[in-house]
PDB file of all heavy atoms in Angstrom:
ATOM      1  N   CYS A   1      -5.823  -0.124 -20.691  1.00  0.00           N
ATOM      2  CA  CYS A   1      -7.100  -0.841 -20.691  1.00  0.00           C
ATOM      3  C   CYS A   1      -7.431  -1.204 -22.156  1.00  0.00           C
ATOM      4  O   CYS A   1      -7.499  -0.349 -23.007  1.00  0.00           O
ATOM      5  CB  CYS A   1      -8.218   0.008 -20.089  1.00  0.00           C
ATOM      6  SG  CYS A   1      -9.842  -0.765 -20.167  1.00  0.00           S
ATOM      7  N   CYS A   2      -7.668  -2.491 -22.396  1.00  0.00           N
ATOM      8  CA  CYS A   2      -7.936  -2.928 -23.747  1.00  0.00           C
ATOM      9  C   CYS A   2      -9.376  -2.746 -24.149  1.00  0.00           C
ATOM     10  O   CYS A   2      -9.740  -2.837 -25.312  1.00  0.00           O
ATOM     11  CB  CYS A   2      -7.504  -4.390 -23.919  1.00  0.00           C
ATOM     12  SG  CYS A   2      -8.480  -5.557 -22.938  1.00  0.00           S
ATOM     13  N   GLY A   3     -10.257  -2.484 -23.163  1.00  0.00           N
ATOM     14  CA  GLY A   3     -11.673  -2.252 -23.447  1.00  0.00           C
ATOM     15  C   GLY A   3     -12.455  -3.521 -23.749  1.00  0.00           C
ATOM     16  O   GLY A   3     -13.609  -3.431 -24.205  1.00  0.00           O
ATOM     17  N   SER A   4     -11.872  -4.704 -23.514  1.00  0.00           N
ATOM     18  CA  SER A   4     -12.573  -5.939 -23.875  1.00  0.00           C
ATOM     19  C   SER A   4     -13.294  -6.578 -22.686  1.00  0.00           C
ATOM     20  O   SER A   4     -13.787  -7.696 -22.792  1.00  0.00           O
ATOM     21  CB  SER A   4     -11.607  -6.926 -24.479  1.00  0.00           C
ATOM     22  OG  SER A   4     -10.674  -7.357 -23.516  1.00  0.00           O
ATOM     23  N   GLY A   5     -13.296  -5.879 -21.539  1.00  0.00           N
ATOM     24  CA  GLY A   5     -13.976  -6.421 -20.369  1.00  0.00           C
ATOM     25  C   GLY A   5     -13.195  -7.457 -19.595  1.00  0.00           C
ATOM     26  O   GLY A   5     -13.759  -8.344 -18.979  1.00  0.00           O
ATOM     27  N   CYS A   6     -11.879  -7.348 -19.664  1.00  0.00           N
ATOM     28  CA  CYS A   6     -11.029  -8.292 -18.910  1.00  0.00           C
ATOM     29  C   CYS A   6     -11.434  -8.314 -17.458  1.00  0.00           C
ATOM     30  O   CYS A   6     -11.861  -7.303 -16.890  1.00  0.00           O
ATOM     31  CB  CYS A   6      -9.542  -7.859 -19.030  1.00  0.00           C
ATOM     32  SG  CYS A   6      -8.854  -7.923 -20.638  1.00  0.00           S
ATOM     33  N   GLU A   7     -11.258  -9.449 -16.837  1.00  0.00           N
ATOM     34  CA  GLU A   7     -11.562  -9.606 -15.406  1.00  0.00           C
ATOM     35  C   GLU A   7     -10.330 -10.157 -14.723  1.00  0.00           C
ATOM     36  O   GLU A   7      -9.992 -11.334 -14.947  1.00  0.00           O
ATOM     37  CB  GLU A   7     -12.752 -10.533 -15.232  1.00  0.00           C
ATOM     38  CG  GLU A   7     -13.324 -10.564 -13.857  1.00  0.00           C
ATOM     39  CD  GLU A   7     -13.857  -9.236 -13.369  1.00  0.00           C
ATOM     40  OE1 GLU A   7     -14.478  -8.472 -14.092  1.00  0.00           O
ATOM     41  OE2 GLU A   7     -13.629  -8.982 -12.172  1.00  0.00           O
ATOM     42  N   PRO A   8      -9.600  -9.448 -13.939  1.00  0.00           N
ATOM     43  CA  PRO A   8      -9.880  -8.050 -13.588  1.00  0.00           C
ATOM     44  C   PRO A   8      -9.237  -7.099 -14.569  1.00  0.00           C
ATOM     45  O   PRO A   8      -8.182  -7.375 -15.159  1.00  0.00           O
ATOM     46  CB  PRO A   8      -9.218  -7.912 -12.222  1.00  0.00           C
ATOM     47  CG  PRO A   8      -8.036  -8.824 -12.285  1.00  0.00           C
ATOM     48  CD  PRO A   8      -8.461  -9.985 -13.132  1.00  0.00           C
ATOM     49  N   CYS A   9      -9.854  -5.978 -14.762  1.00  0.00           N
ATOM     50  CA  CYS A   9      -9.347  -4.912 -15.594  1.00  0.00           C
ATOM     51  C   CYS A   9      -8.254  -4.162 -14.818  1.00  0.00           C
ATOM     52  O   CYS A   9      -8.261  -4.163 -13.593  1.00  0.00           O
ATOM     53  CB  CYS A   9     -10.481  -3.961 -15.950  1.00  0.00           C
ATOM     54  SG  CYS A   9      -9.982  -2.481 -16.874  1.00  0.00           S
ATOM     55  N   VAL A  10      -7.358  -3.508 -15.536  1.00  0.00           N
ATOM     56  CA  VAL A  10      -6.320  -2.725 -14.854  1.00  0.00           C
ATOM     57  C   VAL A  10      -6.957  -1.650 -13.963  1.00  0.00           C
ATOM     58  O   VAL A  10      -6.413  -1.325 -12.911  1.00  0.00           O
ATOM     59  CB  VAL A  10      -5.345  -2.069 -15.835  1.00  0.00           C
ATOM     60  CG1 VAL A  10      -4.505  -3.102 -16.587  1.00  0.00           C
ATOM     61  CG2 VAL A  10      -6.049  -1.162 -16.806  1.00  0.00           C
ATOM     62  N   TRP A  11      -8.131  -1.171 -14.328  1.00  0.00           N
ATOM     63  CA  TRP A  11      -8.823  -0.178 -13.506  1.00  0.00           C
ATOM     64  C   TRP A  11      -9.402  -0.803 -12.242  1.00  0.00           C
ATOM     65  O   TRP A  11      -9.449  -0.182 -11.199  1.00  0.00           O
ATOM     66  CB  TRP A  11      -9.911   0.550 -14.303  1.00  0.00           C
ATOM     67  CG  TRP A  11      -9.294   1.462 -15.286  1.00  0.00           C
ATOM     68  CD1 TRP A  11      -9.147   1.304 -16.646  1.00  0.00           C
ATOM     69  CD2 TRP A  11      -8.635   2.716 -14.997  1.00  0.00           C
ATOM     70  NE1 TRP A  11      -8.472   2.358 -17.178  1.00  0.00           N
ATOM     71  CE2 TRP A  11      -8.142   3.238 -16.220  1.00  0.00           C
ATOM     72  CE3 TRP A  11      -8.377   3.430 -13.833  1.00  0.00           C
ATOM     73  CZ2 TRP A  11      -7.467   4.452 -16.274  1.00  0.00           C
ATOM     74  CZ3 TRP A  11      -7.718   4.606 -13.892  1.00  0.00           C
ATOM     75  CH2 TRP A  11      -7.240   5.128 -15.128  1.00  0.00           C
ATOM     76  N   ASP A  12      -9.839  -2.072 -12.332  1.00  0.00           N
ATOM     77  CA  ASP A  12     -10.294  -2.788 -11.125  1.00  0.00           C
ATOM     78  C   ASP A  12      -9.156  -2.955 -10.139  1.00  0.00           C
ATOM     79  O   ASP A  12      -9.300  -2.745  -8.942  1.00  0.00           O
ATOM     80  CB  ASP A  12     -10.848  -4.185 -11.489  1.00  0.00           C
ATOM     81  CG  ASP A  12     -12.063  -4.125 -12.382  1.00  0.00           C
ATOM     82  OD1 ASP A  12     -12.827  -3.155 -12.283  1.00  0.00           O
ATOM     83  OD2 ASP A  12     -12.264  -5.098 -13.136  1.00  0.00           O
ATOM     84  N   LEU A  13      -7.986  -3.337 -10.658  1.00  0.00           N
ATOM     85  CA  LEU A  13      -6.821  -3.527  -9.810  1.00  0.00           C
ATOM     86  C   LEU A  13      -6.402  -2.198  -9.176  1.00  0.00           C
ATOM     87  O   LEU A  13      -6.057  -2.118  -8.006  1.00  0.00           O
ATOM     88  CB  LEU A  13      -5.645  -4.105 -10.631  1.00  0.00           C
ATOM     89  CG  LEU A  13      -5.900  -5.478 -11.192  1.00  0.00           C
ATOM     90  CD1 LEU A  13      -4.743  -5.908 -12.088  1.00  0.00           C
ATOM     91  CD2 LEU A  13      -6.120  -6.491 -10.090  1.00  0.00           C
ATOM     92  N   TYR A  14      -6.472  -1.120  -9.962  1.00  0.00           N
ATOM     93  CA  TYR A  14      -6.128   0.202  -9.432  1.00  0.00           C
ATOM     94  C   TYR A  14      -7.097   0.601  -8.313  1.00  0.00           C
ATOM     95  O   TYR A  14      -6.653   1.116  -7.273  1.00  0.00           O
ATOM     96  CB  TYR A  14      -6.177   1.228 -10.563  1.00  0.00           C
ATOM     97  CG  TYR A  14      -6.025   2.644 -10.052  1.00  0.00           C
ATOM     98  CD1 TYR A  14      -4.840   3.092  -9.503  1.00  0.00           C
ATOM     99  CD2 TYR A  14      -7.092   3.545 -10.152  1.00  0.00           C
ATOM    100  CE1 TYR A  14      -4.702   4.409  -9.034  1.00  0.00           C
ATOM    101  CE2 TYR A  14      -6.956   4.853  -9.696  1.00  0.00           C
ATOM    102  CZ  TYR A  14      -5.761   5.265  -9.130  1.00  0.00           C
ATOM    103  OH  TYR A  14      -5.622   6.550  -8.673  1.00  0.00           O
ATOM    104  N   GLN A  15      -8.379   0.337  -8.485  1.00  0.00           N
ATOM    105  CA  GLN A  15      -9.364   0.676  -7.440  1.00  0.00           C
ATOM    106  C   GLN A  15      -9.076  -0.103  -6.164  1.00  0.00           C
ATOM    107  O   GLN A  15      -9.223   0.422  -5.073  1.00  0.00           O
ATOM    108  CB  GLN A  15     -10.780   0.405  -7.932  1.00  0.00           C
ATOM    109  CG  GLN A  15     -11.285   1.421  -8.958  1.00  0.00           C
ATOM    110  CD  GLN A  15     -11.238   2.838  -8.409  1.00  0.00           C
ATOM    111  OE1 GLN A  15     -11.581   3.103  -7.275  1.00  0.00           O
ATOM    112  NE2 GLN A  15     -10.798   3.736  -9.252  1.00  0.00           N
ATOM    113  N   GLU A  16      -8.670  -1.376  -6.287  1.00  0.00           N
ATOM    114  CA  GLU A  16      -8.293  -2.160  -5.107  1.00  0.00           C
ATOM    115  C   GLU A  16      -7.095  -1.530  -4.428  1.00  0.00           C
ATOM    116  O   GLU A  16      -7.079  -1.418  -3.175  1.00  0.00           O
ATOM    117  CB  GLU A  16      -7.999  -3.614  -5.514  1.00  0.00           C
ATOM    118  CG  GLU A  16      -9.208  -4.392  -5.931  1.00  0.00           C
ATOM    119  CD  GLU A  16      -8.848  -5.793  -6.425  1.00  0.00           C
ATOM    120  OE1 GLU A  16      -7.690  -6.216  -6.252  1.00  0.00           O
ATOM    121  OE2 GLU A  16      -9.745  -6.441  -7.001  1.00  0.00           O
ATOM    122  N   GLN A  17      -6.112  -1.160  -5.216  1.00  0.00           N
ATOM    123  CA  GLN A  17      -4.917  -0.536  -4.625  1.00  0.00           C
ATOM    124  C   GLN A  17      -5.264   0.787  -3.973  1.00  0.00           C
ATOM    125  O   GLN A  17      -4.737   1.135  -2.916  1.00  0.00           O
ATOM    126  CB  GLN A  17      -3.864  -0.279  -5.729  1.00  0.00           C
ATOM    127  CG  GLN A  17      -3.283  -1.556  -6.286  1.00  0.00           C
ATOM    128  CD  GLN A  17      -2.421  -1.314  -7.528  1.00  0.00           C
ATOM    129  OE1 GLN A  17      -2.445  -0.218  -8.098  1.00  0.00           O
ATOM    130  NE2 GLN A  17      -1.686  -2.335  -7.964  1.00  0.00           N
ATOM    131  N   LEU A  18      -6.169   1.554  -4.572  1.00  0.00           N
ATOM    132  CA  LEU A  18      -6.571   2.838  -4.025  1.00  0.00           C
ATOM    133  C   LEU A  18      -7.311   2.657  -2.699  1.00  0.00           C
ATOM    134  O   LEU A  18      -7.069   3.399  -1.722  1.00  0.00           O
ATOM    135  CB  LEU A  18      -7.448   3.542  -5.035  1.00  0.00           C
ATOM    136  CG  LEU A  18      -7.661   5.029  -4.872  1.00  0.00           C
ATOM    137  CD1 LEU A  18      -6.316   5.794  -4.819  1.00  0.00           C
ATOM    138  CD2 LEU A  18      -8.497   5.566  -6.021  1.00  0.00           C
ATOM    139  N   THR A  19      -8.156   1.649  -2.620  1.00  0.00           N
ATOM    140  CA  THR A  19      -8.865   1.368  -1.370  1.00  0.00           C
ATOM    141  C   THR A  19      -7.877   0.974  -0.255  1.00  0.00           C
ATOM    142  O   THR A  19      -7.976   1.449   0.853  1.00  0.00           O
ATOM    143  CB  THR A  19      -9.892   0.222  -1.597  1.00  0.00           C
ATOM    144  OG1 THR A  19     -10.868   0.667  -2.549  1.00  0.00           O
ATOM    145  CG2 THR A  19     -10.599  -0.164  -0.297  1.00  0.00           C
ATOM    146  N   GLU A  20      -6.914   0.148  -0.625  1.00  0.00           N
ATOM    147  CA  GLU A  20      -5.868  -0.257   0.368  1.00  0.00           C
ATOM    148  C   GLU A  20      -5.058   0.945   0.766  1.00  0.00           C
ATOM    149  O   GLU A  20      -4.742   1.113   1.972  1.00  0.00           O
ATOM    150  CB  GLU A  20      -4.964  -1.329  -0.242  1.00  0.00           C
ATOM    151  CG  GLU A  20      -3.939  -1.850   0.688  1.00  0.00           C
ATOM    152  CD  GLU A  20      -3.094  -2.935   0.049  1.00  0.00           C
ATOM    153  OE1 GLU A  20      -3.615  -3.753  -0.719  1.00  0.00           O
ATOM    154  OE2 GLU A  20      -1.878  -2.966   0.342  1.00  0.00           O
ATOM    155  N   TYR A  21      -4.702   1.795  -0.164  1.00  0.00           N
ATOM    156  CA  TYR A  21      -3.930   3.000   0.130  1.00  0.00           C
ATOM    157  C   TYR A  21      -4.678   3.900   1.093  1.00  0.00           C
ATOM    158  O   TYR A  21      -4.133   4.416   2.069  1.00  0.00           O
ATOM    159  CB  TYR A  21      -3.606   3.742  -1.158  1.00  0.00           C
ATOM    160  CG  TYR A  21      -3.259   5.206  -0.928  1.00  0.00           C
ATOM    161  CD1 TYR A  21      -2.024   5.576  -0.349  1.00  0.00           C
ATOM    162  CD2 TYR A  21      -4.136   6.216  -1.265  1.00  0.00           C
ATOM    163  CE1 TYR A  21      -1.697   6.892  -0.145  1.00  0.00           C
ATOM    164  CE2 TYR A  21      -3.826   7.544  -1.075  1.00  0.00           C
ATOM    165  CZ  TYR A  21      -2.611   7.873  -0.482  1.00  0.00           C
ATOM    166  OH  TYR A  21      -2.306   9.185  -0.274  1.00  0.00           O
ATOM    167  N   ARG A  22      -5.964   4.111   0.848  1.00  0.00           N
ATOM    168  CA  ARG A  22      -6.759   4.981   1.716  1.00  0.00           C
ATOM    169  C   ARG A  22      -6.841   4.448   3.130  1.00  0.00           C
ATOM    170  O   ARG A  22      -6.787   5.238   4.093  1.00  0.00           O
ATOM    171  CB  ARG A  22      -8.160   5.182   1.113  1.00  0.00           C
ATOM    172  CG  ARG A  22      -8.143   6.045  -0.124  1.00  0.00           C
ATOM    173  CD  ARG A  22      -9.511   6.178  -0.732  1.00  0.00           C
ATOM    174  NE  ARG A  22      -9.478   7.075  -1.894  1.00  0.00           N
ATOM    175  CZ  ARG A  22     -10.263   6.991  -2.916  1.00  0.00           C
ATOM    176  NH1 ARG A  22     -11.184   6.050  -2.977  1.00  0.00           N
ATOM    177  NH2 ARG A  22     -10.183   7.834  -3.932  1.00  0.00           N
ATOM    178  N   ALA A  23      -6.933   3.139   3.295  1.00  0.00           N
ATOM    179  CA  ALA A  23      -6.950   2.536   4.623  1.00  0.00           C
ATOM    180  C   ALA A  23      -5.616   2.744   5.330  1.00  0.00           C
ATOM    181  O   ALA A  23      -5.542   3.111   6.495  1.00  0.00           O
ATOM    182  CB  ALA A  23      -7.298   1.044   4.535  1.00  0.00           C
ATOM    183  N   LYS A  24      -4.528   2.515   4.564  1.00  0.00           N
ATOM    184  CA  LYS A  24      -3.176   2.719   5.141  1.00  0.00           C
ATOM    185  C   LYS A  24      -2.961   4.174   5.489  1.00  0.00           C
ATOM    186  O   LYS A  24      -2.329   4.485   6.513  1.00  0.00           O
ATOM    187  CB  LYS A  24      -2.118   2.217   4.168  1.00  0.00           C
ATOM    188  CG  LYS A  24      -2.034   0.737   4.041  1.00  0.00           C
ATOM    189  CD  LYS A  24      -0.980   0.330   3.042  1.00  0.00           C
ATOM    190  CE  LYS A  24      -0.852  -1.168   2.910  1.00  0.00           C
ATOM    191  NZ  LYS A  24       0.208  -1.559   1.953  1.00  0.00           N
ATOM    192  N   LEU A  25      -3.438   5.093   4.643  1.00  0.00           N
ATOM    193  CA  LEU A  25      -3.283   6.504   4.921  1.00  0.00           C
ATOM    194  C   LEU A  25      -4.052   6.911   6.156  1.00  0.00           C
ATOM    195  O   LEU A  25      -3.499   7.650   7.007  1.00  0.00           O
ATOM    196  CB  LEU A  25      -3.740   7.324   3.703  1.00  0.00           C
ATOM    197  CG  LEU A  25      -3.618   8.832   3.836  1.00  0.00           C
ATOM    198  CD1 LEU A  25      -2.164   9.256   4.034  1.00  0.00           C
ATOM    199  CD2 LEU A  25      -4.230   9.526   2.611  1.00  0.00           C
ATOM    200  N   ALA A  26      -5.244   6.427   6.319  1.00  0.00           N
ATOM    201  CA  ALA A  26      -6.041   6.769   7.511  1.00  0.00           C
ATOM    202  C   ALA A  26      -5.341   6.261   8.765  1.00  0.00           C
ATOM    203  O   ALA A  26      -5.274   6.975   9.786  1.00  0.00           O
ATOM    204  CB  ALA A  26      -7.451   6.178   7.405  1.00  0.00           C
ATOM    205  N   ALA A  27      -4.792   5.060   8.723  1.00  0.00           N
ATOM    206  CA  ALA A  27      -4.066   4.506   9.860  1.00  0.00           C
ATOM    207  C   ALA A  27      -2.816   5.341  10.149  1.00  0.00           C
ATOM    208  O   ALA A  27      -2.506   5.629  11.310  1.00  0.00           O
ATOM    209  CB  ALA A  27      -3.700   3.057   9.633  1.00  0.00           C
ATOM    210  N   TRP A  28      -2.092   5.724   9.107  1.00  0.00           N
ATOM    211  CA  TRP A  28      -0.895   6.535   9.278  1.00  0.00           C
ATOM    212  C   TRP A  28      -1.251   7.880   9.874  1.00  0.00           C
ATOM    213  O   TRP A  28      -0.568   8.383  10.763  1.00  0.00           O
ATOM    214  CB  TRP A  28      -0.181   6.718   7.942  1.00  0.00           C
ATOM    215  CG  TRP A  28       1.042   7.548   8.035  1.00  0.00           C
ATOM    216  CD1 TRP A  28       2.267   7.146   8.366  1.00  0.00           C
ATOM    217  CD2 TRP A  28       1.122   8.973   7.774  1.00  0.00           C
ATOM    218  NE1 TRP A  28       3.158   8.222   8.352  1.00  0.00           N
ATOM    219  CE2 TRP A  28       2.480   9.337   7.977  1.00  0.00           C
ATOM    220  CE3 TRP A  28       0.220   9.942   7.367  1.00  0.00           C
ATOM    221  CZ2 TRP A  28       2.889  10.656   7.814  1.00  0.00           C
ATOM    222  CZ3 TRP A  28       0.646  11.240   7.219  1.00  0.00           C
ATOM    223  CH2 TRP A  28       1.975  11.591   7.444  1.00  0.00           C
ATOM    224  N   GLN A  29      -2.333   8.505   9.387  1.00  0.00           N
ATOM    225  CA  GLN A  29      -2.743   9.807   9.913  1.00  0.00           C
ATOM    226  C   GLN A  29      -3.105   9.713  11.400  1.00  0.00           C
ATOM    227  O   GLN A  29      -2.797  10.594  12.175  1.00  0.00           O
ATOM    228  CB  GLN A  29      -3.924  10.337   9.094  1.00  0.00           C
ATOM    229  CG  GLN A  29      -3.520  10.795   7.705  1.00  0.00           C
ATOM    230  CD  GLN A  29      -4.713  11.146   6.839  1.00  0.00           C
ATOM    231  OE1 GLN A  29      -5.780  10.532   6.934  1.00  0.00           O
ATOM    232  NE2 GLN A  29      -4.499  12.087   5.929  1.00  0.00           N
ATOM    233  N   ALA A  30      -3.742   8.617  11.783  1.00  0.00           N
ATOM    234  CA  ALA A  30      -4.058   8.436  13.201  1.00  0.00           C
ATOM    235  C   ALA A  30      -2.795   8.280  14.035  1.00  0.00           C
ATOM    236  O   ALA A  30      -2.693   8.850  15.140  1.00  0.00           O
ATOM    237  CB  ALA A  30      -4.959   7.177  13.350  1.00  0.00           C
ATOM    238  N   ARG A  31      -1.798   7.538  13.536  1.00  0.00           N
ATOM    239  CA  ARG A  31      -0.519   7.401  14.235  1.00  0.00           C
ATOM    240  C   ARG A  31       0.181   8.744  14.339  1.00  0.00           C
ATOM    241  O   ARG A  31       0.711   9.087  15.393  1.00  0.00           O
ATOM    242  CB  ARG A  31       0.374   6.354  13.542  1.00  0.00           C
ATOM    243  CG  ARG A  31      -0.082   4.927  13.685  1.00  0.00           C
ATOM    244  CD  ARG A  31       0.965   3.945  13.216  1.00  0.00           C
ATOM    245  NE  ARG A  31       1.474   4.168  11.875  1.00  0.00           N
ATOM    246  CZ  ARG A  31       0.950   3.695  10.777  1.00  0.00           C
ATOM    247  NH1 ARG A  31      -0.179   2.954  10.835  1.00  0.00           N
ATOM    248  NH2 ARG A  31       1.487   3.920   9.576  1.00  0.00           N
ATOM    249  N   GLU A  32       0.132   9.496  13.275  1.00  0.00           N
ATOM    250  CA  GLU A  32       0.786  10.822  13.297  1.00  0.00           C
ATOM    251  C   GLU A  32       0.124  11.746  14.278  1.00  0.00           C
ATOM    252  O   GLU A  32       0.802  12.463  15.007  1.00  0.00           O
ATOM    253  CB  GLU A  32       0.749  11.465  11.867  1.00  0.00           C
ATOM    254  CG  GLU A  32       1.841  10.973  10.972  1.00  0.00           C
ATOM    255  CD  GLU A  32       3.218  11.330  11.457  1.00  0.00           C
ATOM    256  OE1 GLU A  32       3.587  12.512  11.466  1.00  0.00           O
ATOM    257  OE2 GLU A  32       3.960  10.379  11.825  1.00  0.00           O
TER     258      GLU A  32
END
């Protein structure tokens, strides 16, 4: 993170990936 307020920041992208991962994990847990 360069700290200059980039849009999107690497942390924003990570949060999007984390949200997608949590949804996929919940679906996987239900299938399991």
